PDB file of N, CA and C in Angstrom:
ATOM      1  N   MET A   1      35.361   9.054  -8.778  1.00  0.00           N
ATOM      2  CA  MET A   1      34.500   8.228  -9.606  1.00  0.00           C
ATOM      3  C   MET A   1      34.104   6.977  -8.813  1.00  0.00           C
ATOM      4  N   LEU A   2      32.896   6.516  -9.037  1.00  0.00           N
ATOM      5  CA  LEU A   2      32.403   5.352  -8.303  1.00  0.00           C
ATOM      6  C   LEU A   2      32.914   4.060  -8.923  1.00  0.00           C
ATOM      7  N   SER A   3      33.174   3.100  -8.053  1.00  0.00           N
ATOM      8  CA  SER A   3      33.533   1.765  -8.538  1.00  0.00           C
ATOM      9  C   SER A   3      32.265   1.105  -9.072  1.00  0.00           C
ATOM     10  N   PRO A   4      32.389   0.022  -9.840  1.00  0.00           N
ATOM     11  CA  PRO A   4      31.187  -0.657 -10.349  1.00  0.00           C
ATOM     12  C   PRO A   4      30.224  -1.080  -9.239  1.00  0.00           C
ATOM     13  N   SER A   5      30.740  -1.580  -8.126  1.00  0.00           N
ATOM     14  CA  SER A   5      29.847  -2.000  -7.037  1.00  0.00           C
ATOM     15  C   SER A   5      29.179  -0.793  -6.372  1.00  0.00           C
ATOM     16  N   GLN A   6      29.903   0.315  -6.237  1.00  0.00           N
ATOM     17  CA  GLN A   6      29.311   1.534  -5.682  1.00  0.00           C
ATOM     18  C   GLN A   6      28.241   2.086  -6.615  1.00  0.00           C
ATOM     19  N   SER A   7      28.482   2.000  -7.906  1.00  0.00           N
ATOM     20  CA  SER A   7      27.520   2.475  -8.897  1.00  0.00           C
ATOM     21  C   SER A   7      26.225   1.674  -8.824  1.00  0.00           C
ATOM     22  N   ILE A   8      26.344   0.362  -8.711  1.00  0.00           N
ATOM     23  CA  ILE A   8      25.163  -0.507  -8.601  1.00  0.00           C
ATOM     24  C   ILE A   8      24.405  -0.193  -7.316  1.00  0.00           C
ATOM     25  N   GLN A   9      25.137  -0.018  -6.214  1.00  0.00           N
ATOM     26  CA  GLN A   9      24.503   0.318  -4.934  1.00  0.00           C
ATOM     27  C   GLN A   9      23.777   1.658  -5.026  1.00  0.00           C
ATOM     28  N   TYR A  10      24.400   2.635  -5.648  1.00  0.00           N
ATOM     29  CA  TYR A  10      23.785   3.954  -5.818  1.00  0.00           C
ATOM     30  C   TYR A  10      22.498   3.842  -6.636  1.00  0.00           C
ATOM     31  N   GLN A  11      22.523   3.048  -7.702  1.00  0.00           N
ATOM     32  CA  GLN A  11      21.331   2.864  -8.534  1.00  0.00           C
ATOM     33  C   GLN A  11      20.206   2.217  -7.734  1.00  0.00           C
ATOM     34  N   LYS A  12      20.533   1.212  -6.923  1.00  0.00           N
ATOM     35  CA  LYS A  12      19.521   0.550  -6.091  1.00  0.00           C
ATOM     36  C   LYS A  12      18.898   1.541  -5.107  1.00  0.00           C
ATOM     37  N   GLU A  13      19.742   2.342  -4.465  1.00  0.00           N
ATOM     38  CA  GLU A  13      19.246   3.334  -3.507  1.00  0.00           C
ATOM     39  C   GLU A  13      18.401   4.400  -4.198  1.00  0.00           C
ATOM     40  N   SER A  14      18.775   4.764  -5.406  1.00  0.00           N
ATOM     41  CA  SER A  14      18.021   5.757  -6.168  1.00  0.00           C
ATOM     42  C   SER A  14      16.629   5.236  -6.502  1.00  0.00           C
ATOM     43  N   VAL A  15      16.558   3.987  -6.929  1.00  0.00           N
ATOM     44  CA  VAL A  15      15.257   3.368  -7.229  1.00  0.00           C
ATOM     45  C   VAL A  15      14.425   3.289  -5.960  1.00  0.00           C
ATOM     46  N   GLU A  16      15.054   2.920  -4.855  1.00  0.00           N
ATOM     47  CA  GLU A  16      14.352   2.836  -3.570  1.00  0.00           C
ATOM     48  C   GLU A  16      13.765   4.194  -3.181  1.00  0.00           C
ATOM     49  N   ARG A  17      14.528   5.263  -3.339  1.00  0.00           N
ATOM     50  CA  ARG A  17      14.026   6.614  -3.029  1.00  0.00           C
ATOM     51  C   ARG A  17      12.859   6.984  -3.942  1.00  0.00           C
ATOM     52  N   ALA A  18      12.941   6.590  -5.201  1.00  0.00           N
ATOM     53  CA  ALA A  18      11.880   6.925  -6.157  1.00  0.00           C
ATOM     54  C   ALA A  18      10.582   6.191  -5.841  1.00  0.00           C
ATOM     55  N   LEU A  19      10.666   5.068  -5.140  1.00  0.00           N
ATOM     56  CA  LEU A  19       9.480   4.272  -4.822  1.00  0.00           C
ATOM     57  C   LEU A  19       8.990   4.510  -3.394  1.00  0.00           C
ATOM     58  N   THR A  20       9.412   5.619  -2.799  1.00  0.00           N
ATOM     59  CA  THR A  20       9.059   5.948  -1.421  1.00  0.00           C
ATOM     60  C   THR A  20       8.368   7.311  -1.383  1.00  0.00           C
ATOM     61  N   CYS A  21       7.312   7.415  -0.573  1.00  0.00           N
ATOM     62  CA  CYS A  21       6.582   8.678  -0.430  1.00  0.00           C
ATOM     63  C   CYS A  21       7.524   9.763   0.084  1.00  0.00           C
ATOM     64  N   ALA A  22       7.522  10.892  -0.581  1.00  0.00           N
ATOM     65  CA  ALA A  22       8.391  12.008  -0.195  1.00  0.00           C
ATOM     66  C   ALA A  22       7.965  12.626   1.132  1.00  0.00           C
ATOM     67  N   ASN A  23       6.709  12.412   1.534  1.00  0.00           N
ATOM     68  CA  ASN A  23       6.209  13.013   2.770  1.00  0.00           C
ATOM     69  C   ASN A  23       6.370  12.087   3.975  1.00  0.00           C
ATOM     70  N   CYS A  24       5.876  10.849   3.868  1.00  0.00           N
ATOM     71  CA  CYS A  24       5.857   9.971   5.046  1.00  0.00           C
ATOM     72  C   CYS A  24       6.844   8.812   4.979  1.00  0.00           C
ATOM     73  N   GLY A  25       7.431   8.554   3.816  1.00  0.00           N
ATOM     74  CA  GLY A  25       8.409   7.480   3.694  1.00  0.00           C
ATOM     75  C   GLY A  25       7.818   6.112   3.418  1.00  0.00           C
ATOM     76  N   LYS A  26       6.501   6.027   3.269  1.00  0.00           N
ATOM     77  CA  LYS A  26       5.829   4.760   2.985  1.00  0.00           C
ATOM     78  C   LYS A  26       6.135   4.323   1.553  1.00  0.00           C
ATOM     79  N   LYS A  27       6.174   2.999   1.329  1.00  0.00           N
ATOM     80  CA  LYS A  27       6.363   2.474  -0.024  1.00  0.00           C
ATOM     81  C   LYS A  27       5.186   2.899  -0.892  1.00  0.00           C
ATOM     82  N   LEU A  28       5.482   3.359  -2.097  1.00  0.00           N
ATOM     83  CA  LEU A  28       4.437   3.812  -3.005  1.00  0.00           C
ATOM     84  C   LEU A  28       3.855   2.658  -3.801  1.00  0.00           C
ATOM     85  N   HIS A  29       2.576   2.779  -4.138  1.00  0.00           N
ATOM     86  CA  HIS A  29       1.915   1.853  -5.051  1.00  0.00           C
ATOM     87  C   HIS A  29       2.476   2.111  -6.440  1.00  0.00           C
ATOM     88  N   VAL A  30       2.394   1.131  -7.296  1.00  0.00           N
ATOM     89  CA  VAL A  30       2.927   1.249  -8.661  1.00  0.00           C
ATOM     90  C   VAL A  30       2.393   2.485  -9.391  1.00  0.00           C
ATOM     91  N   LEU A  31       1.149   2.878  -9.139  1.00  0.00           N
ATOM     92  CA  LEU A  31       0.545   4.012  -9.842  1.00  0.00           C
ATOM     93  C   LEU A  31       0.771   5.348  -9.133  1.00  0.00           C
ATOM     94  N   GLU A  32       1.371   5.325  -7.954  1.00  0.00           N
ATOM     95  CA  GLU A  32       1.626   6.562  -7.213  1.00  0.00           C
ATOM     96  C   GLU A  32       2.994   7.133  -7.589  1.00  0.00           C
ATOM     97  N   VAL A  33       3.071   8.447  -7.613  1.00  0.00           N
ATOM     98  CA  VAL A  33       4.330   9.113  -7.949  1.00  0.00           C
ATOM     99  C   VAL A  33       4.627  10.175  -6.889  1.00  0.00           C
ATOM    100  N   HIS A  34       5.765  10.094  -6.257  1.00  0.00           N
ATOM    101  CA  HIS A  34       6.290  11.058  -5.283  1.00  0.00           C
ATOM    102  C   HIS A  34       5.595  11.024  -3.925  1.00  0.00           C
ATOM    103  N   VAL A  35       4.254  10.988  -3.892  1.00  0.00           N
ATOM    104  CA  VAL A  35       3.524  11.071  -2.626  1.00  0.00           C
ATOM    105  C   VAL A  35       2.430  10.009  -2.611  1.00  0.00           C
ATOM    106  N   CYS A  36       2.239   9.364  -1.462  1.00  0.00           N
ATOM    107  CA  CYS A  36       1.222   8.314  -1.358  1.00  0.00           C
ATOM    108  C   CYS A  36      -0.187   8.916  -1.294  1.00  0.00           C
ATOM    109  N   GLU A  37      -1.167   8.063  -1.497  1.00  0.00           N
ATOM    110  CA  GLU A  37      -2.566   8.498  -1.541  1.00  0.00           C
ATOM    111  C   GLU A  37      -2.983   9.197  -0.244  1.00  0.00           C
ATOM    112  N   ARG A  38      -2.585   8.642   0.909  1.00  0.00           N
ATOM    113  CA  ARG A  38      -2.965   9.239   2.191  1.00  0.00           C
ATOM    114  C   ARG A  38      -2.417  10.656   2.330  1.00  0.00           C
ATOM    115  N   CYS A  39      -1.165  10.851   1.950  1.00  0.00           N
ATOM    116  CA  CYS A  39      -0.555  12.182   2.064  1.00  0.00           C
ATOM    117  C   CYS A  39      -1.195  13.170   1.089  1.00  0.00           C
ATOM    118  N   ILE A  40      -1.594  12.688  -0.080  1.00  0.00           N
ATOM    119  CA  ILE A  40      -2.282  13.556  -1.042  1.00  0.00           C
ATOM    120  C   ILE A  40      -3.596  14.043  -0.448  1.00  0.00           C
ATOM    121  N   TYR A  41      -4.373  13.114   0.142  1.00  0.00           N
ATOM    122  CA  TYR A  41      -5.648  13.511   0.742  1.00  0.00           C
ATOM    123  C   TYR A  41      -5.442  14.498   1.886  1.00  0.00           C
ATOM    124  N   GLU A  42      -4.418  14.261   2.708  1.00  0.00           N
ATOM    125  CA  GLU A  42      -4.127  15.197   3.798  1.00  0.00           C
ATOM    126  C   GLU A  42      -3.812  16.584   3.246  1.00  0.00           C
ATOM    127  N   CYS A  43      -3.014  16.624   2.204  1.00  0.00           N
ATOM    128  CA  CYS A  43      -2.634  17.900   1.596  1.00  0.00           C
ATOM    129  C   CYS A  43      -3.858  18.596   1.004  1.00  0.00           C
ATOM    130  N   LEU A  44      -4.686  17.854   0.280  1.00  0.00           N
ATOM    131  CA  LEU A  44      -5.879  18.447  -0.326  1.00  0.00           C
ATOM    132  C   LEU A  44      -6.841  18.960   0.737  1.00  0.00           C
ATOM    133  N   ASN A  45      -6.966  18.235   1.837  1.00  0.00           N
ATOM    134  CA  ASN A  45      -7.829  18.689   2.926  1.00  0.00           C
ATOM    135  C   ASN A  45      -7.301  19.976   3.541  1.00  0.00           C
ATOM    136  N   MET A  46      -5.982  20.084   3.680  1.00  0.00           N
ATOM    137  CA  MET A  46      -5.394  21.323   4.205  1.00  0.00           C
ATOM    138  C   MET A  46      -5.664  22.485   3.260  1.00  0.00           C
ATOM    139  N   VAL A  47      -5.506  22.257   1.967  1.00  0.00           N
ATOM    140  CA  VAL A  47      -5.750  23.311   0.975  1.00  0.00           C
ATOM    141  C   VAL A  47      -7.208  23.742   1.038  1.00  0.00           C
ATOM    142  N   GLU A  48      -8.121  22.770   1.087  1.00  0.00           N
ATOM    143  CA  GLU A  48      -9.550  23.086   1.156  1.00  0.00           C
ATOM    144  C   GLU A  48      -9.865  23.874   2.426  1.00  0.00           C
ATOM    145  N   HIS A  49      -9.293  23.449   3.554  1.00  0.00           N
ATOM    146  CA  HIS A  49      -9.509  24.154   4.824  1.00  0.00           C
ATOM    147  C   HIS A  49      -8.993  25.589   4.729  1.00  0.00           C
ATOM    148  N   ASN A  50      -7.810  25.769   4.155  1.00  0.00           N
ATOM    149  CA  ASN A  50      -7.234  27.112   4.022  1.00  0.00           C
ATOM    150  C   ASN A  50      -8.076  27.999   3.118  1.00  0.00           C
ATOM    151  N   GLU A  51      -8.611  27.442   2.046  1.00  0.00           N
ATOM    152  CA  GLU A  51      -9.461  28.223   1.146  1.00  0.00           C
ATOM    153  C   GLU A  51     -10.740  28.663   1.863  1.00  0.00           C
ATOM    154  N   LYS A  52     -11.338  27.761   2.628  1.00  0.00           N
ATOM    155  CA  LYS A  52     -12.545  28.121   3.385  1.00  0.00           C
ATOM    156  C   LYS A  52     -12.226  29.205   4.407  1.00  0.00           C
ATOM    157  N   TYR A  53     -11.068  29.101   5.055  1.00  0.00           N
ATOM    158  CA  TYR A  53     -10.653  30.103   6.030  1.00  0.00           C
ATOM    159  C   TYR A  53     -10.474  31.460   5.354  1.00  0.00           C
ATOM    160  N   LYS A  54      -9.836  31.475   4.192  1.00  0.00           N
ATOM    161  CA  LYS A  54      -9.635  32.731   3.460  1.00  0.00           C
ATOM    162  C   LYS A  54     -10.970  33.356   3.081  1.00  0.00           C
ATOM    163  N   GLN A  55     -11.916  32.538   2.614  1.00  0.00           N
ATOM    164  CA  GLN A  55     -13.234  33.056   2.247  1.00  0.00           C
ATOM    165  C   GLN A  55     -13.937  33.617   3.473  1.00  0.00           C
ATOM    166  N   HIS A  56     -13.834  32.922   4.587  1.00  0.00           N
ATOM    167  CA  HIS A  56     -14.455  33.375   5.833  1.00  0.00           C
ATOM    168  C   HIS A  56     -13.872  34.725   6.253  1.00  0.00           C
ATOM    169  N   ARG A  57     -12.564  34.884   6.131  1.00  0.00           N
ATOM    170  CA  ARG A  57     -11.905  36.147   6.488  1.00  0.00           C
ATOM    171  C   ARG A  57     -12.367  37.276   5.575  1.00  0.00           C
ATOM    172  N   ARG A  58     -12.542  36.992   4.288  1.00  0.00           N
ATOM    173  CA  ARG A  58     -12.991  38.023   3.343  1.00  0.00           C
ATOM    174  C   ARG A  58     -14.402  38.488   3.685  1.00  0.00           C
ATOM    175  N   ILE A  59     -15.254  37.563   4.075  1.00  0.00           N
ATOM    176  CA  ILE A  59     -16.647  37.885   4.402  1.00  0.00           C
ATOM    177  C   ILE A  59     -16.708  38.762   5.652  1.00  0.00           C
ATOM    178  N   LYS A  60     -15.877  38.474   6.656  1.00  0.00           N
ATOM    179  CA  LYS A  60     -15.907  39.213   7.924  1.00  0.00           C
ATOM    180  C   LYS A  60     -15.415  40.642   7.792  1.00  0.00           C
ATOM    181  N   LYS A  61     -14.595  40.948   6.810  1.00  0.00           N
ATOM    182  CA  LYS A  61     -14.032  42.303   6.672  1.00  0.00           C
ATOM    183  C   LYS A  61     -15.038  43.314   6.246  1.00  0.00           C
TER     184      LYS A  61
END
């Protein structure tokens, strides 16, 4: 079981993790959740690129 000081430290670290981008580790804006805006755009661009690639492959067959 954690001591009171360990419990407080754990809570602080938990809040810190919750306010950090899961992808790049950057501090999140108050309105961001889990992933920062830049990482979201990178992910969406990858998805869009992959979809275009899949469509291109279907057309060539």
